[in-house]
Amino acid sequence: QLHMKKLLLFSFSVLITLISCDPVHYLILENKTNKPVEVVYYPQLEDRQLRNKEVEKIEIQGKEMSKITLDSAETINIGMVTAMYTPSANDIDLDYLEIRYGQDTIRLTGKHAILTTIQKVEKLNWRLILK
């Protein structure tokens, strides 16, 4: 009897917690070019953020970085933001982001620099779009 009451109370608490939470959305890096781009970043991202892309380790100025190739129309997640808020620098998981496309290279050092490139595409959809 007591065990059942505790179980019901716990279940109710979990339900209230889930209902009261604001949904979380990803900050996305999207390749809208018609060619693959190399993405170098630090620190390491989780496999689920990278959609299980193969990661190569490289060294830049004595620091180990990760590198992936992002094909045309592919995306990776580089952070998360609570739905009702505008992203802030703390929502970004990277401290360094370098994008290599043909002869061009974009280097963004620091969360604030990366944040300046993120735009709102539609409601609850924030992206860094490579065109």
N, C-alpha and C. Protein backbone atom coordinates (compact mmCIF):
# COMPACT_ATOMS: atom_id res chain seq x y z
N GLN A 1 0.84 -1.19 0.00
CA GLN A 1 0.00 0.00 0.00
C GLN A 1 0.89 1.25 0.00
N LEU A 2 1.81 1.33 0.94
CA LEU A 2 2.71 2.48 1.04
C LEU A 2 3.61 2.57 -0.21
N HIS A 3 4.06 1.42 -0.66
CA HIS A 3 4.90 1.38 -1.86
C HIS A 3 4.13 1.92 -3.08
N MET A 4 2.86 1.55 -3.18
CA MET A 4 2.03 2.01 -4.30
C MET A 4 1.84 3.53 -4.26
N LYS A 5 1.64 4.07 -3.07
CA LYS A 5 1.48 5.53 -2.92
C LYS A 5 2.75 6.26 -3.33
N LYS A 6 3.90 5.72 -2.92
CA LYS A 6 5.19 6.33 -3.29
C LYS A 6 5.39 6.28 -4.81
N LEU A 7 5.02 5.15 -5.40
CA LEU A 7 5.15 5.00 -6.85
C LEU A 7 4.25 5.99 -7.58
N LEU A 8 3.03 6.15 -7.13
CA LEU A 8 2.10 7.11 -7.74
C LEU A 8 2.61 8.54 -7.58
N LEU A 9 3.11 8.88 -6.39
CA LEU A 9 3.65 10.22 -6.14
C LEU A 9 4.85 10.49 -7.04
N PHE A 10 5.73 9.51 -7.17
CA PHE A 10 6.89 9.65 -8.04
C PHE A 10 6.46 9.84 -9.49
N SER A 11 5.52 9.03 -9.95
CA SER A 11 5.04 9.13 -11.33
C SER A 11 4.40 10.49 -11.59
N PHE A 12 3.63 10.97 -10.64
CA PHE A 12 3.00 12.28 -10.76
C PHE A 12 4.05 13.38 -10.84
N SER A 13 5.08 13.28 -10.01
CA SER A 13 6.17 14.27 -10.01
C SER A 13 6.90 14.31 -11.35
N VAL A 14 7.17 13.14 -11.90
CA VAL A 14 7.85 13.05 -13.20
C VAL A 14 6.96 13.66 -14.29
N LEU A 15 5.68 13.35 -14.26
CA LEU A 15 4.75 13.88 -15.25
C LEU A 15 4.70 15.40 -15.20
N ILE A 16 4.60 15.97 -14.02
CA ILE A 16 4.56 17.43 -13.86
C ILE A 16 5.85 18.05 -14.37
N THR A 17 6.97 17.44 -14.05
CA THR A 17 8.26 17.94 -14.51
C THR A 17 8.33 17.96 -16.03
N LEU A 18 7.89 16.89 -16.67
CA LEU A 18 7.93 16.81 -18.13
C LEU A 18 6.99 17.82 -18.77
N ILE A 19 5.83 18.00 -18.23
CA ILE A 19 4.85 18.92 -18.80
C ILE A 19 5.31 20.37 -18.65
N SER A 20 5.96 20.68 -17.54
CA SER A 20 6.33 22.06 -17.27
C SER A 20 7.60 22.51 -17.99
N CYS A 21 8.33 21.61 -18.57
CA CYS A 21 9.59 21.97 -19.25
C CYS A 21 9.32 22.61 -20.61
N ASP A 22 10.12 23.62 -20.92
CA ASP A 22 10.08 24.19 -22.26
C ASP A 22 10.82 23.25 -23.20
N PRO A 23 10.34 23.09 -24.42
CA PRO A 23 11.04 22.22 -25.36
C PRO A 23 12.42 22.80 -25.71
N VAL A 24 13.32 21.92 -26.00
CA VAL A 24 14.68 22.31 -26.36
C VAL A 24 14.88 22.08 -27.85
N HIS A 25 15.56 23.01 -28.51
CA HIS A 25 15.82 22.90 -29.94
C HIS A 25 17.31 23.02 -30.19
N TYR A 26 17.76 22.45 -31.29
CA TYR A 26 19.17 22.46 -31.62
C TYR A 26 19.56 23.70 -32.41
N LEU A 27 20.79 24.13 -32.21
CA LEU A 27 21.42 25.13 -33.07
C LEU A 27 22.15 24.32 -34.13
N ILE A 28 21.87 24.59 -35.37
CA ILE A 28 22.30 23.70 -36.46
C ILE A 28 23.26 24.39 -37.41
N LEU A 29 24.30 23.67 -37.82
CA LEU A 29 25.20 24.08 -38.89
C LEU A 29 24.73 23.33 -40.13
N GLU A 30 24.38 24.08 -41.18
CA GLU A 30 23.79 23.48 -42.39
C GLU A 30 24.60 23.85 -43.62
N ASN A 31 24.94 22.85 -44.41
CA ASN A 31 25.66 23.07 -45.66
C ASN A 31 24.64 23.19 -46.80
N LYS A 32 24.41 24.43 -47.26
CA LYS A 32 23.51 24.65 -48.40
C LYS A 32 24.29 24.90 -49.68
N THR A 33 25.60 24.66 -49.65
CA THR A 33 26.38 24.78 -50.87
C THR A 33 26.13 23.53 -51.70
N ASN A 34 26.64 23.51 -52.91
CA ASN A 34 26.44 22.32 -53.74
C ASN A 34 27.65 21.39 -53.69
N LYS A 35 28.56 21.65 -52.74
CA LYS A 35 29.77 20.83 -52.60
C LYS A 35 30.02 20.50 -51.12
N PRO A 36 30.81 19.47 -50.87
CA PRO A 36 31.18 19.16 -49.48
C PRO A 36 32.05 20.28 -48.89
N VAL A 37 31.94 20.48 -47.59
CA VAL A 37 32.80 21.42 -46.87
C VAL A 37 33.46 20.67 -45.73
N GLU A 38 34.68 21.11 -45.37
CA GLU A 38 35.35 20.55 -44.20
C GLU A 38 35.02 21.42 -43.01
N VAL A 39 34.68 20.78 -41.90
CA VAL A 39 34.36 21.50 -40.67
C VAL A 39 35.35 21.05 -39.60
N VAL A 40 36.13 22.01 -39.09
CA VAL A 40 37.09 21.74 -38.02
C VAL A 40 36.54 22.42 -36.77
N TYR A 41 36.57 21.72 -35.65
CA TYR A 41 35.95 22.28 -34.45
C TYR A 41 36.62 21.76 -33.18
N TYR A 42 36.35 22.50 -32.09
CA TYR A 42 36.81 22.14 -30.75
C TYR A 42 35.83 22.73 -29.75
N PRO A 43 35.49 22.07 -28.70
CA PRO A 43 35.82 20.69 -28.31
C PRO A 43 35.01 19.68 -29.11
N GLN A 44 35.25 18.44 -28.79
CA GLN A 44 34.60 17.33 -29.48
C GLN A 44 33.09 17.37 -29.26
N LEU A 45 32.33 17.02 -30.27
CA LEU A 45 30.87 16.90 -30.18
C LEU A 45 30.50 15.43 -30.02
N GLU A 46 29.29 15.19 -29.54
CA GLU A 46 28.82 13.81 -29.38
C GLU A 46 28.39 13.25 -30.74
N ASP A 47 28.44 11.92 -30.86
CA ASP A 47 28.06 11.25 -32.12
C ASP A 47 26.65 11.62 -32.57
N ARG A 48 25.72 11.74 -31.64
CA ARG A 48 24.33 12.07 -32.02
C ARG A 48 24.25 13.48 -32.61
N GLN A 49 25.12 14.39 -32.18
CA GLN A 49 25.13 15.73 -32.74
C GLN A 49 25.66 15.71 -34.17
N LEU A 50 26.58 14.79 -34.42
CA LEU A 50 27.24 14.69 -35.73
C LEU A 50 26.52 13.73 -36.67
N ARG A 51 25.45 13.16 -36.19
CA ARG A 51 24.71 12.17 -36.98
C ARG A 51 25.63 11.03 -37.44
N ASN A 52 26.51 10.63 -36.51
CA ASN A 52 27.44 9.52 -36.68
C ASN A 52 28.40 9.68 -37.86
N LYS A 53 28.75 10.92 -38.19
CA LYS A 53 29.75 11.15 -39.24
C LYS A 53 31.12 10.73 -38.71
N GLU A 54 31.98 10.30 -39.62
CA GLU A 54 33.33 9.89 -39.24
C GLU A 54 34.17 11.13 -38.90
N VAL A 55 34.80 11.08 -37.73
CA VAL A 55 35.58 12.21 -37.23
C VAL A 55 37.07 11.91 -37.37
N GLU A 56 37.79 12.87 -37.92
CA GLU A 56 39.24 12.77 -38.05
C GLU A 56 39.86 13.73 -37.03
N LYS A 57 40.91 13.29 -36.37
CA LYS A 57 41.61 14.16 -35.41
C LYS A 57 42.76 14.85 -36.14
N ILE A 58 42.87 16.17 -35.96
CA ILE A 58 43.97 16.92 -36.54
C ILE A 58 44.53 17.85 -35.47
N GLU A 59 45.73 18.37 -35.71
CA GLU A 59 46.35 19.29 -34.75
C GLU A 59 46.53 20.65 -35.40
N ILE A 60 46.06 21.69 -34.72
CA ILE A 60 46.23 23.07 -35.17
C ILE A 60 46.85 23.85 -34.03
N GLN A 61 48.01 24.42 -34.27
CA GLN A 61 48.75 25.20 -33.28
C GLN A 61 48.86 24.47 -31.94
N GLY A 62 49.21 23.19 -32.02
CA GLY A 62 49.44 22.39 -30.82
C GLY A 62 48.18 21.91 -30.12
N LYS A 63 47.00 22.17 -30.67
CA LYS A 63 45.75 21.75 -30.04
C LYS A 63 45.06 20.70 -30.90
N GLU A 64 44.60 19.61 -30.26
CA GLU A 64 43.90 18.57 -31.01
C GLU A 64 42.48 19.03 -31.32
N MET A 65 42.14 18.99 -32.60
CA MET A 65 40.81 19.39 -33.08
C MET A 65 40.16 18.20 -33.78
N SER A 66 38.87 18.33 -34.01
CA SER A 66 38.13 17.31 -34.76
C SER A 66 37.78 17.88 -36.13
N LYS A 67 37.74 17.00 -37.14
CA LYS A 67 37.39 17.44 -38.49
C LYS A 67 36.43 16.44 -39.10
N ILE A 68 35.37 16.99 -39.73
CA ILE A 68 34.43 16.15 -40.47
C ILE A 68 34.20 16.79 -41.84
N THR A 69 33.67 16.01 -42.75
CA THR A 69 33.24 16.53 -44.04
C THR A 69 31.72 16.55 -44.03
N LEU A 70 31.18 17.71 -44.32
CA LEU A 70 29.73 17.89 -44.35
C LEU A 70 29.31 18.02 -45.81
N ASP A 71 28.61 17.00 -46.31
CA ASP A 71 28.18 17.02 -47.70
C ASP A 71 27.06 18.03 -47.91
N SER A 72 26.79 18.33 -49.16
CA SER A 72 25.71 19.25 -49.51
C SER A 72 24.40 18.79 -48.87
N ALA A 73 23.68 19.73 -48.28
CA ALA A 73 22.38 19.49 -47.63
C ALA A 73 22.48 18.74 -46.30
N GLU A 74 23.68 18.49 -45.81
CA GLU A 74 23.82 17.83 -44.51
C GLU A 74 23.91 18.86 -43.39
N THR A 75 23.55 18.41 -42.19
CA THR A 75 23.59 19.28 -41.01
C THR A 75 24.24 18.56 -39.84
N ILE A 76 24.73 19.37 -38.89
CA ILE A 76 25.15 18.85 -37.58
C ILE A 76 24.62 19.81 -36.53
N ASN A 77 24.49 19.32 -35.31
CA ASN A 77 24.02 20.14 -34.20
C ASN A 77 25.23 20.70 -33.45
N ILE A 78 25.24 22.02 -33.26
CA ILE A 78 26.38 22.65 -32.58
C ILE A 78 25.99 23.30 -31.26
N GLY A 79 24.75 23.07 -30.82
CA GLY A 79 24.30 23.61 -29.55
C GLY A 79 22.83 23.35 -29.35
N MET A 80 22.31 23.82 -28.20
CA MET A 80 20.89 23.68 -27.89
C MET A 80 20.39 24.95 -27.23
N VAL A 81 19.11 25.24 -27.47
CA VAL A 81 18.48 26.41 -26.86
C VAL A 81 17.07 26.03 -26.44
N THR A 82 16.65 26.57 -25.29
CA THR A 82 15.28 26.38 -24.84
C THR A 82 14.37 27.18 -25.76
N ALA A 83 13.26 26.60 -26.15
CA ALA A 83 12.40 27.14 -27.20
C ALA A 83 12.02 28.60 -27.02
N MET A 84 11.71 29.03 -25.82
CA MET A 84 11.19 30.38 -25.66
C MET A 84 12.28 31.45 -25.61
N TYR A 85 13.53 31.06 -25.73
CA TYR A 85 14.63 32.02 -25.62
C TYR A 85 15.38 32.19 -26.93
N THR A 86 15.99 33.34 -27.09
CA THR A 86 16.93 33.58 -28.18
C THR A 86 18.26 32.96 -27.75
N PRO A 87 18.97 32.30 -28.65
CA PRO A 87 20.23 31.67 -28.26
C PRO A 87 21.23 32.69 -27.70
N SER A 88 22.01 32.22 -26.74
CA SER A 88 23.11 33.02 -26.20
C SER A 88 24.40 32.24 -26.44
N ALA A 89 25.52 32.88 -26.19
CA ALA A 89 26.82 32.23 -26.41
C ALA A 89 26.94 30.93 -25.61
N ASN A 90 26.36 30.89 -24.43
CA ASN A 90 26.45 29.69 -23.59
C ASN A 90 25.70 28.50 -24.17
N ASP A 91 24.81 28.72 -25.12
CA ASP A 91 24.06 27.63 -25.75
C ASP A 91 24.88 26.90 -26.81
N ILE A 92 26.01 27.47 -27.19
CA ILE A 92 26.86 26.89 -28.24
C ILE A 92 27.87 25.94 -27.61
N ASP A 93 27.99 24.75 -28.18
CA ASP A 93 28.88 23.72 -27.62
C ASP A 93 30.33 23.88 -28.06
N LEU A 94 30.60 24.74 -29.02
CA LEU A 94 31.95 24.86 -29.58
C LEU A 94 32.65 26.14 -29.12
N ASP A 95 33.97 26.06 -29.01
CA ASP A 95 34.79 27.24 -28.72
C ASP A 95 35.57 27.67 -29.96
N TYR A 96 35.65 26.77 -30.94
CA TYR A 96 36.37 27.05 -32.18
C TYR A 96 35.64 26.35 -33.31
N LEU A 97 35.45 27.08 -34.42
CA LEU A 97 34.79 26.51 -35.60
C LEU A 97 35.48 27.06 -36.84
N GLU A 98 35.93 26.16 -37.68
CA GLU A 98 36.59 26.53 -38.93
C GLU A 98 35.88 25.79 -40.05
N ILE A 99 35.50 26.52 -41.08
CA ILE A 99 34.80 25.93 -42.23
C ILE A 99 35.65 26.16 -43.47
N ARG A 100 36.02 25.09 -44.13
CA ARG A 100 36.87 25.15 -45.33
C ARG A 100 36.03 24.77 -46.54
N TYR A 101 35.94 25.72 -47.49
CA TYR A 101 35.13 25.52 -48.69
C TYR A 101 35.94 25.99 -49.88
N GLY A 102 36.42 25.04 -50.69
CA GLY A 102 37.25 25.40 -51.85
C GLY A 102 38.48 26.16 -51.37
N GLN A 103 38.69 27.37 -51.89
CA GLN A 103 39.84 28.20 -51.50
C GLN A 103 39.52 29.09 -50.29
N ASP A 104 38.29 29.06 -49.81
CA ASP A 104 37.86 29.94 -48.72
C ASP A 104 37.88 29.21 -47.38
N THR A 105 38.20 29.96 -46.34
CA THR A 105 38.16 29.43 -44.97
C THR A 105 37.54 30.48 -44.06
N ILE A 106 36.61 30.05 -43.25
CA ILE A 106 36.01 30.90 -42.22
C ILE A 106 36.48 30.36 -40.88
N ARG A 107 37.07 31.22 -40.04
CA ARG A 107 37.50 30.83 -38.69
C ARG A 107 36.73 31.64 -37.66
N LEU A 108 36.09 30.96 -36.76
CA LEU A 108 35.35 31.61 -35.68
C LEU A 108 35.93 31.11 -34.36
N THR A 109 36.53 32.02 -33.61
CA THR A 109 37.15 31.67 -32.35
C THR A 109 36.32 32.25 -31.22
N GLY A 110 35.77 31.37 -30.40
CA GLY A 110 34.96 31.79 -29.26
C GLY A 110 33.47 31.65 -29.53
N LYS A 111 32.73 31.38 -28.47
CA LYS A 111 31.29 31.17 -28.57
C LYS A 111 30.57 32.42 -29.10
N HIS A 112 31.01 33.61 -28.71
CA HIS A 112 30.36 34.84 -29.17
C HIS A 112 30.52 35.02 -30.68
N ALA A 113 31.71 34.72 -31.20
CA ALA A 113 31.94 34.84 -32.65
C ALA A 113 31.04 33.86 -33.41
N ILE A 114 30.92 32.65 -32.90
CA ILE A 114 30.06 31.64 -33.54
C ILE A 114 28.60 32.09 -33.48
N LEU A 115 28.20 32.64 -32.35
CA LEU A 115 26.82 33.10 -32.18
C LEU A 115 26.44 34.16 -33.20
N THR A 116 27.37 35.03 -33.56
CA THR A 116 27.06 36.11 -34.52
C THR A 116 26.67 35.58 -35.89
N THR A 117 26.99 34.34 -36.19
CA THR A 117 26.69 33.76 -37.51
C THR A 117 25.37 32.99 -37.53
N ILE A 118 24.77 32.81 -36.37
CA ILE A 118 23.53 32.03 -36.28
C ILE A 118 22.34 32.93 -36.52
N GLN A 119 21.43 32.46 -37.38
CA GLN A 119 20.24 33.25 -37.71
C GLN A 119 18.98 32.43 -37.47
N LYS A 120 17.90 33.15 -37.23
CA LYS A 120 16.61 32.49 -37.05
C LYS A 120 16.01 32.26 -38.43
N VAL A 121 15.72 31.01 -38.75
CA VAL A 121 15.18 30.66 -40.06
C VAL A 121 13.65 30.71 -40.01
N GLU A 122 13.09 30.17 -38.97
CA GLU A 122 11.66 30.22 -38.71
C GLU A 122 11.49 30.02 -37.22
N LYS A 123 10.28 30.04 -36.75
CA LYS A 123 10.05 29.89 -35.32
C LYS A 123 10.75 28.63 -34.79
N LEU A 124 11.53 28.80 -33.75
CA LEU A 124 12.24 27.71 -33.08
C LEU A 124 13.27 27.01 -33.98
N ASN A 125 13.78 27.68 -34.97
CA ASN A 125 14.74 27.08 -35.88
C ASN A 125 15.92 28.04 -36.07
N TRP A 126 17.04 27.76 -35.42
CA TRP A 126 18.23 28.61 -35.45
C TRP A 126 19.34 27.89 -36.18
N ARG A 127 19.95 28.57 -37.19
CA ARG A 127 20.94 27.89 -38.02
C ARG A 127 22.11 28.79 -38.40
N LEU A 128 23.27 28.16 -38.56
CA LEU A 128 24.42 28.76 -39.21
C LEU A 128 24.41 28.13 -40.60
N ILE A 129 24.07 28.90 -41.61
CA ILE A 129 23.87 28.35 -42.97
C ILE A 129 25.05 28.71 -43.86
N LEU A 130 25.65 27.69 -44.46
CA LEU A 130 26.72 27.88 -45.44
C LEU A 130 26.09 27.91 -46.82
N LYS A 131 26.30 29.02 -47.56
CA LYS A 131 25.69 29.15 -48.89
C LYS A 131 26.76 29.21 -49.96
